Protein backbone atom coordinates (compact mmCIF):
# COMPACT_ATOMS: atom_id res chain seq x y z
CA UNK A 1 -9.76 -23.51 8.32
CA UNK A 2 -8.31 -19.94 9.30
CA UNK A 3 -10.18 -20.16 12.59
CA UNK A 4 -8.91 -23.59 13.35
CA UNK A 5 -5.26 -22.27 12.45
CA UNK A 6 -5.71 -19.30 14.83
CA UNK A 7 -7.00 -21.42 17.64
CA UNK A 8 -3.99 -23.88 17.39
CA UNK A 9 -1.40 -20.88 17.47
CA UNK A 10 -3.39 -19.23 20.47
CA UNK A 11 -3.02 -22.71 22.18
CA UNK A 12 0.80 -22.62 21.93
CA UNK A 13 1.38 -24.30 18.60
CA UNK A 14 4.99 -23.25 17.62
CA UNK A 15 3.82 -23.17 13.85
CA UNK A 16 1.88 -24.59 11.15
CA UNK A 17 2.76 -26.99 8.16
CA UNK A 18 0.52 -26.66 5.17
CA UNK A 19 0.14 -28.59 2.11
CA UNK A 20 -2.48 -28.58 -0.74
CA UNK A 21 -3.43 -31.05 -3.31
CA UNK A 22 -5.00 -28.46 -5.55
CA UNK A 23 -4.65 -24.52 -5.83
CA UNK A 24 -2.31 -22.69 -3.31
CA UNK A 25 -4.48 -19.48 -3.03
CA UNK A 26 -6.34 -20.88 0.10
CA UNK A 27 -3.05 -21.56 2.10
CA UNK A 28 -1.56 -18.45 0.94
CA UNK A 29 -4.73 -16.38 2.08
CA UNK A 30 -4.63 -17.95 5.53
CA UNK A 31 -0.73 -17.39 5.84
CA UNK A 32 -1.31 -13.51 4.83
CA UNK A 33 -4.35 -13.04 7.15
CA UNK A 34 -2.66 -14.62 10.07
CA UNK A 35 0.65 -12.62 9.51
CA UNK A 36 2.65 -15.81 9.55
CA UNK A 37 6.30 -15.91 8.53
CA UNK A 38 7.10 -18.43 6.12
CA UNK A 39 10.19 -20.58 6.65
CA UNK A 40 12.25 -21.37 3.52
CA UNK A 41 14.07 -24.45 3.32
CA UNK A 42 17.45 -23.73 5.11
CA UNK A 43 16.36 -20.51 6.63
CA UNK A 44 18.13 -19.56 9.81
CA UNK A 45 15.59 -19.02 12.43
CA UNK A 46 17.69 -16.21 13.93
CA UNK A 47 15.98 -13.81 11.69
CA UNK A 48 13.00 -11.78 12.98
CA UNK A 49 11.33 -12.30 9.62
CA UNK A 50 13.21 -12.75 6.07
CA UNK A 51 11.61 -9.74 4.65
CA UNK A 52 9.39 -6.76 5.64
CA UNK A 53 6.26 -8.44 3.92
CA UNK A 54 4.96 -11.88 4.40
CA UNK A 55 6.29 -14.12 1.89
CA UNK A 56 4.71 -17.17 0.64
CA UNK A 57 6.76 -17.65 -2.40
CA UNK A 58 10.29 -18.90 -1.53
CA UNK A 59 12.18 -16.79 -4.29
CA UNK A 60 10.20 -13.64 -4.19
CA UNK A 61 12.54 -10.79 -2.67
CA UNK A 62 11.09 -7.42 -4.13
CA UNK A 63 7.48 -6.10 -3.99
CA UNK A 64 5.71 -2.71 -4.88
CA UNK A 65 4.60 -1.27 -1.68
CA UNK A 66 1.06 -0.45 -3.14
CA UNK A 67 -0.39 -3.77 -2.03
CA UNK A 68 1.04 -4.01 1.27
CA UNK A 69 -2.28 -3.62 2.89
CA UNK A 70 -4.00 -6.13 0.43
CA UNK A 71 -1.47 -8.67 -0.18
CA UNK A 72 -4.11 -11.33 -1.38
CA UNK A 73 -4.75 -9.29 -4.43
CA UNK A 74 -1.19 -8.94 -5.15
CA UNK A 75 -0.76 -12.53 -4.84
CA UNK A 76 -3.60 -13.35 -6.99
CA UNK A 77 -2.50 -10.82 -9.79
CA UNK A 78 0.99 -12.34 -9.82
CA UNK A 79 -0.08 -15.88 -9.68
CA UNK A 80 1.27 -16.74 -13.27
CA UNK A 81 4.69 -14.81 -12.66
CA UNK A 82 7.94 -17.05 -12.86
CA UNK A 83 9.13 -18.80 -9.90
CA UNK A 84 12.40 -16.61 -10.69
CA UNK A 85 11.21 -13.48 -9.23
CA UNK A 86 13.77 -10.64 -9.98
CA UNK A 87 16.06 -9.30 -7.35
CA UNK A 88 15.87 -5.75 -8.82
CA UNK A 89 12.59 -4.30 -10.56
CA UNK A 90 12.16 -2.65 -13.80
CA UNK A 91 13.29 -5.06 -16.42
CA UNK A 92 10.40 -3.89 -18.83
CA UNK A 93 9.52 -5.09 -22.29
CA UNK A 94 9.69 -1.34 -23.64
CA UNK A 95 8.26 -2.02 -27.00
CA UNK A 96 5.15 -3.43 -25.74
CA UNK A 97 4.82 -1.04 -22.88
CA UNK A 98 5.14 2.11 -25.05
CA UNK A 99 2.43 0.86 -27.20
CA UNK A 100 -0.04 0.90 -24.25
CA UNK A 101 0.05 -2.44 -22.79
CA UNK A 102 0.41 -1.84 -19.26
CA UNK A 103 -0.59 -5.26 -18.07
CA UNK A 104 3.00 -6.33 -17.04
CA UNK A 105 5.94 -4.63 -15.21
CA UNK A 106 8.94 -6.74 -15.71
CA UNK A 107 10.33 -9.54 -17.76
CA UNK A 108 11.92 -12.16 -15.62
CA UNK A 109 12.59 -14.69 -18.49
CA UNK A 110 15.22 -14.15 -21.21
CA UNK A 111 12.81 -15.61 -23.64
CA UNK A 112 10.14 -13.04 -22.79
CA UNK A 113 7.50 -15.44 -22.19
CA UNK A 114 4.42 -13.35 -21.87
CA UNK A 115 2.68 -15.99 -19.56
CA UNK A 116 5.06 -15.22 -16.78
CA UNK A 117 4.95 -11.31 -16.97
CA UNK A 118 1.30 -10.58 -16.91
CA UNK A 119 -0.48 -8.73 -14.14
CA UNK A 120 -3.73 -10.73 -13.86
CA UNK A 121 -6.98 -8.84 -13.80
CA UNK A 122 -8.59 -11.02 -11.56
CA UNK A 123 -9.65 -9.78 -8.12
CA UNK A 124 -11.07 -11.87 -4.96
CA UNK A 125 -11.58 -8.51 -2.98
CA UNK A 126 -15.29 -8.39 -2.80
CA UNK A 127 -15.59 -12.00 -1.65
CA UNK A 128 -13.20 -11.49 1.22
CA UNK A 129 -14.96 -8.30 2.25
CA UNK A 130 -18.22 -10.17 3.08
CA UNK A 131 -21.90 -9.85 2.11
CA UNK A 132 -23.47 -6.47 1.06
CA UNK A 133 -25.19 -6.35 4.65
CA UNK A 134 -21.95 -6.83 6.19
CA UNK A 135 -20.31 -4.11 4.18
CA UNK A 136 -23.26 -1.67 4.79
CA UNK A 137 -22.65 -2.30 8.62
CA UNK A 138 -18.86 -1.40 8.39
CA UNK A 139 -19.04 1.45 5.80
CA UNK A 140 -22.41 3.17 6.40
CA UNK A 141 -26.27 2.09 5.81
CA UNK A 142 -26.87 5.40 3.81
CA UNK A 143 -24.03 7.89 3.58
CA UNK A 144 -25.06 10.96 1.94
CA UNK A 145 -22.17 13.38 2.23
CA UNK A 146 -18.40 13.29 1.43
CA UNK A 147 -17.93 13.97 5.23
CA UNK A 148 -19.61 10.66 5.92
CA UNK A 149 -17.28 9.00 3.83
CA UNK A 150 -14.34 10.82 5.41
CA UNK A 151 -15.66 9.50 8.76
CA UNK A 152 -15.58 5.84 7.95
CA UNK A 153 -11.81 6.28 6.84
CA UNK A 154 -10.90 7.96 10.08
CA UNK A 155 -12.99 5.29 12.17
CA UNK A 156 -10.85 2.63 10.30
CA UNK A 157 -7.57 4.36 11.36
CA UNK A 158 -8.96 4.71 14.95
CA UNK A 159 -9.96 1.00 14.95
CA UNK A 160 -13.55 0.96 14.74
CA UNK A 161 -14.00 -0.05 11.28
CA UNK A 162 -12.19 -3.57 10.79
CA UNK A 163 -11.42 -3.08 6.99
CA UNK A 164 -11.81 -1.16 4.10
CA UNK A 165 -11.90 -2.36 0.41
CA UNK A 166 -8.33 -1.58 0.10
CA UNK A 167 -7.05 -2.54 3.42
CA UNK A 168 -7.29 -5.86 5.25
CA UNK A 169 -5.95 -4.33 8.44
CA UNK A 170 -3.70 -1.98 9.75
CA UNK A 171 0.15 -2.81 9.67
CA UNK A 172 1.49 -3.62 12.88
CA UNK A 173 4.21 -1.05 12.45
CA UNK A 174 1.63 1.59 11.85
CA UNK A 175 -0.09 0.99 15.01
CA UNK A 176 3.13 1.05 17.08
CA UNK A 177 4.80 3.77 15.29
CA UNK A 178 2.93 6.96 16.56
CA UNK A 179 1.46 7.94 13.19
CA UNK A 180 -2.17 7.18 14.11
CA UNK A 181 -3.20 10.48 15.16
CA UNK A 182 -1.65 12.32 12.03
CA UNK A 183 -3.46 9.52 9.75
CA UNK A 184 -6.61 10.28 11.73
CA UNK A 185 -6.44 14.02 11.23
CA UNK A 186 -5.84 13.52 7.36
CA UNK A 187 -8.91 11.44 7.01
CA UNK A 188 -10.77 13.88 8.89
CA UNK A 189 -10.10 16.72 6.49
CA UNK A 190 -10.53 14.68 3.19
CA UNK A 191 -7.19 12.99 2.76
CA UNK A 192 -8.39 9.25 2.76
CA UNK A 193 -5.35 7.19 3.59
CA UNK A 194 -5.17 3.50 2.59
CA UNK A 195 -1.67 2.63 3.17
CA UNK A 196 1.45 4.15 4.95
CA UNK A 197 4.86 3.63 6.63
CA UNK A 198 6.84 5.67 8.98
CA UNK A 199 10.55 6.77 8.26
CA UNK A 200 13.31 4.53 9.98
CA UNK A 201 16.90 5.45 10.00
CA UNK A 202 19.22 2.43 10.74
CA UNK A 203 17.13 0.24 13.12
CA UNK A 204 18.79 -2.88 14.20
CA UNK A 205 17.40 -5.83 12.10
CA UNK A 206 16.42 -7.35 15.42
CA UNK A 207 14.12 -4.69 16.35
CA UNK A 208 10.49 -6.15 16.81
CA UNK A 209 8.62 -3.56 15.39
CA UNK A 210 10.87 -2.61 12.12
CA UNK A 211 13.54 -5.40 12.05
CA UNK A 212 13.73 -8.08 9.31
CA UNK A 213 16.66 -10.07 7.58
CA UNK A 214 19.67 -11.41 9.41
CA UNK A 215 20.85 -10.40 12.87
CA UNK A 216 23.34 -7.71 13.14
CA UNK A 217 22.01 -5.67 10.28
CA UNK A 218 20.48 -2.29 9.91
CA UNK A 219 17.26 -1.49 8.29
CA UNK A 220 15.86 1.93 6.80
CA UNK A 221 12.47 3.19 5.48
CA UNK A 222 11.34 6.18 3.91
CA UNK A 223 8.11 7.79 4.92
CA UNK A 224 5.41 6.81 2.49
CA UNK A 225 1.74 7.76 2.45
CA UNK A 226 -0.96 6.64 -0.05
CA UNK A 227 -4.42 8.10 -0.33
CA UNK A 228 -7.60 9.53 -2.23
CA UNK A 229 -8.34 12.92 -2.33
CA UNK A 230 -10.40 15.58 -4.12
CA UNK A 231 -8.96 17.76 -6.99
CA UNK A 232 -9.04 20.70 -4.83
CA UNK A 233 -7.05 18.91 -1.97
CA UNK A 234 -4.40 17.72 -4.51
CA UNK A 235 -4.03 21.38 -5.86
CA UNK A 236 -3.43 22.49 -2.31
CA UNK A 237 -0.93 19.89 -1.73
CA UNK A 238 0.91 20.44 -4.77
CA UNK A 239 1.36 23.93 -4.35
CA UNK A 240 2.65 23.50 -0.69
CA UNK A 241 5.29 20.77 -2.00
CA UNK A 242 7.20 23.54 -3.46
CA UNK A 243 8.76 24.06 0.02
CA UNK A 244 9.43 20.42 0.58
CA UNK A 245 11.81 19.14 -2.09
CA UNK A 246 12.40 15.70 -0.49
CA UNK A 247 8.88 14.78 -1.19
CA UNK A 248 7.83 13.07 -4.37
CA UNK A 249 4.25 12.81 -5.41
CA UNK A 250 2.40 10.62 -8.03
CA UNK A 251 -1.31 10.74 -8.75
CA UNK A 252 -3.89 9.11 -11.27
CA UNK A 253 -7.55 9.59 -11.82
CA UNK A 254 -9.86 7.27 -13.65
CA UNK A 255 -9.88 9.43 -16.54
CA UNK A 256 -6.29 8.82 -17.38
CA UNK A 257 -4.99 11.99 -15.78
CA UNK A 258 -1.49 11.78 -14.20
CA UNK A 259 0.23 14.38 -11.82
CA UNK A 260 3.80 13.86 -10.75
CA UNK A 261 6.45 15.98 -8.96
CA UNK A 262 9.80 14.63 -7.97
CA UNK A 263 13.59 15.60 -7.24
CA UNK A 264 16.16 14.04 -9.54
CA UNK A 265 19.43 12.79 -8.92
CA UNK A 266 20.98 16.25 -9.77
CA UNK A 267 18.76 17.83 -7.13
CA UNK A 268 16.57 19.31 -9.83
CA UNK A 269 12.62 19.76 -8.94
CA UNK A 270 10.61 18.12 -12.00
CA UNK A 271 6.91 18.31 -12.66
CA UNK A 272 4.80 16.51 -15.24
CA UNK A 273 1.21 15.87 -16.22
CA UNK A 274 2.42 13.74 -18.93
CA UNK A 275 0.08 10.39 -19.03
CA UNK A 276 2.51 8.01 -20.68
CA UNK A 277 4.39 6.69 -17.51
CA UNK A 278 7.00 5.28 -19.71
CA UNK A 279 8.39 8.51 -20.70
CA UNK A 280 9.29 9.47 -17.15
CA UNK A 281 8.87 6.16 -15.13
CA UNK A 282 10.13 6.19 -11.59
CA UNK A 283 11.60 3.55 -9.65
CA UNK A 284 12.86 3.88 -6.00
CA UNK A 285 13.30 1.75 -3.15
CA UNK A 286 11.43 2.85 0.13
CA UNK A 287 12.75 0.02 2.33
CA UNK A 288 16.31 -1.68 2.34
CA UNK A 289 18.58 -3.13 4.60
CA UNK A 290 22.36 -3.46 5.28
CA UNK A 291 23.82 -6.79 6.34
CA UNK A 292 27.24 -8.13 6.84
CA UNK A 293 28.65 -10.15 3.80
CA UNK A 294 25.74 -9.16 1.45
CA UNK A 295 24.66 -6.47 -0.97
CA UNK A 296 22.10 -3.96 0.16
CA UNK A 297 18.90 -5.43 -0.10
CA UNK A 298 15.70 -3.47 -1.36
CA UNK A 299 12.55 -5.33 -0.80
CA UNK A 300 10.04 -2.78 -1.04
CA UNK A 301 9.91 -0.26 -3.92
CA UNK A 302 7.67 2.51 -5.39
CA UNK A 303 7.24 2.25 -9.47
CA UNK A 304 5.24 4.31 -11.65
CA UNK A 305 3.93 1.53 -13.84
CA UNK A 306 3.14 -0.69 -11.04
CA UNK A 307 1.26 2.36 -9.41
CA UNK A 308 -0.77 2.94 -12.54
CA UNK A 309 -1.95 -0.71 -12.53
CA UNK A 310 -2.67 -0.62 -8.75
CA UNK A 311 -4.54 2.62 -9.23
CA UNK A 312 -6.86 1.25 -11.87
CA UNK A 313 -7.70 -1.60 -9.55
CA UNK A 314 -8.00 0.72 -6.36
CA UNK A 315 -10.19 3.21 -8.03
CA UNK A 316 -12.49 0.55 -9.43
CA UNK A 317 -13.20 -0.86 -5.90
CA UNK A 318 -15.09 2.42 -5.05
CA UNK A 319 -17.89 1.28 -7.49
CA UNK A 320 -17.33 -2.52 -7.62
CA UNK A 321 -16.95 -2.92 -3.79
CA UNK A 322 -18.62 0.04 -2.14
CA UNK A 323 -21.01 1.86 -4.41
CA UNK A 324 -22.60 -1.65 -5.42
CA UNK A 325 -23.78 -2.23 -1.76
CA UNK A 326 -26.42 0.41 -2.23
CA UNK A 327 -29.59 0.43 -4.26
CA UNK A 328 -29.49 1.64 -8.01
CA UNK A 329 -30.19 5.45 -8.09
CA UNK A 330 -29.87 5.87 -4.35
CA UNK A 331 -28.21 8.98 -2.86
CA UNK A 332 -25.46 6.79 -1.31
CA UNK A 333 -24.60 4.93 -4.59
CA UNK A 334 -24.57 8.37 -6.53
CA UNK A 335 -22.19 9.71 -3.87
CA UNK A 336 -19.71 6.92 -4.15
CA UNK A 337 -19.81 6.91 -7.71
CA UNK A 338 -18.97 10.65 -7.58
CA UNK A 339 -15.95 10.25 -5.50
CA UNK A 340 -14.90 7.39 -7.84
CA UNK A 341 -15.35 9.90 -10.88
CA UNK A 342 -13.70 12.79 -9.48
CA UNK A 343 -11.09 11.81 -6.73
CA UNK A 344 -7.23 11.35 -7.43
CA UNK A 345 -5.29 8.33 -6.15
CA UNK A 346 -2.01 9.60 -4.86
CA UNK A 347 1.18 8.32 -3.26
CA UNK A 348 3.85 10.34 -1.55
CA UNK A 349 7.47 9.49 -0.55
CA UNK A 350 9.68 11.57 1.77
CA UNK A 351 13.09 10.76 0.56
CA UNK A 352 14.85 12.47 3.67
CA UNK A 353 14.76 9.29 6.00
CA UNK A 354 17.01 11.06 8.46
CA UNK A 355 15.13 14.10 9.66
CA UNK A 356 12.02 14.17 7.38
CA UNK A 357 8.73 14.63 8.37
CA UNK A 358 5.94 13.67 5.51
CA UNK A 359 3.15 15.09 7.66
CA UNK A 360 4.75 18.62 8.01
CA UNK A 361 3.28 19.56 4.43
CA UNK A 362 -0.30 18.87 5.84
CA UNK A 363 0.30 21.27 8.64
CA UNK A 364 0.86 24.21 6.19
CA UNK A 365 -2.16 23.26 4.35
CA UNK A 366 -4.47 22.49 7.28
CA UNK A 367 -2.99 25.15 9.44
CA UNK A 368 -2.67 22.53 12.48
CA UNK A 369 -0.08 20.30 13.83
CA UNK A 370 -1.09 16.78 12.87
CA UNK A 371 0.57 15.33 15.86
CA UNK A 372 -0.83 17.20 18.83
CA UNK A 373 -2.32 20.79 19.66
CA UNK A 374 -5.28 20.72 17.42
CA UNK A 375 -8.94 20.62 18.63
CA UNK A 376 -9.42 17.86 16.27
CA UNK A 377 -6.61 15.83 17.35
CA UNK A 378 -7.12 16.15 20.85
CA UNK A 379 -10.82 15.11 20.61
CA UNK A 380 -9.63 11.86 18.94
CA UNK A 381 -9.29 8.77 20.94
CA UNK A 382 -7.34 6.02 18.97
CA UNK A 383 -8.10 2.70 20.40
CA UNK A 384 -5.16 0.71 21.72
């Protein structure tokens, strides 16, 4: 069906009308994979797109950025949430959260109906990525070193690997924003990127690359990076962040470890290794827009508790989606399981959306310019 829809659009069809007599999941998957804009009832067609993410659900206005490259997983995990999605994030049932139940993030209903606040544990990622043979063809028949894995991530950014367990595709703004070469460099050196966005300072809402919302507005983004890395690489990064106060970082591993550094509203630099997210939970907008006649819209956020939940899913994919394609007791399977057991899952946000450069800290760590002038960079040919 997705192929038929794609052919219809390629033939000049102005749009598609979908309805289902059963579950909506199949229609949602087609909409997301084809990157279609969903027209809400009464929505003006003057908008480039209503929000910076595809929105199959009419009343949804806020999402964590973490699932941006894996929207089907997010839609599946939140399928039981109330239709009355929150306009602001962070309404938490603190009593249950502090008791260690992190299967939910917000309570959209005054009654606290638990059926509407659960993050489902169901995942369909393995089915979407193809057979074991197809995945081996994408990610390597028999990787034996960590550098072999680095190469898969680098080739994904360069356009020669169609997808990763965590990424259905490279986002259009990533392809057009000039950050492909820095991303390729980070992957080459073991910072394995799975999600990113460039900083944007007041782009017109009509902008084809970054625009969203009604015409006549302005949109903003903080630079964002999400990746896996070894403990050694994380230590080097945290040490270098001492001279970059605008950058916040949070990381989890499979053993329940957490590392976090941020600058608070008073300008004080803070660090914590406290595993309980609720003791210092951080929620911050990374995308927002200013429009005439309305309050500031903040559709994309980072949230410590949501990241912890996403991190559990993301780390598990190393084993369930990647390691599982190799024979038991094989060198390749052991390699991927070792990465799963030892690596950290990290996100970074540069809060300076005016002049910030989130890649500068990596220049200091790697002793090269991620943008140009490096032997690695000049040898990389990023596919258009």
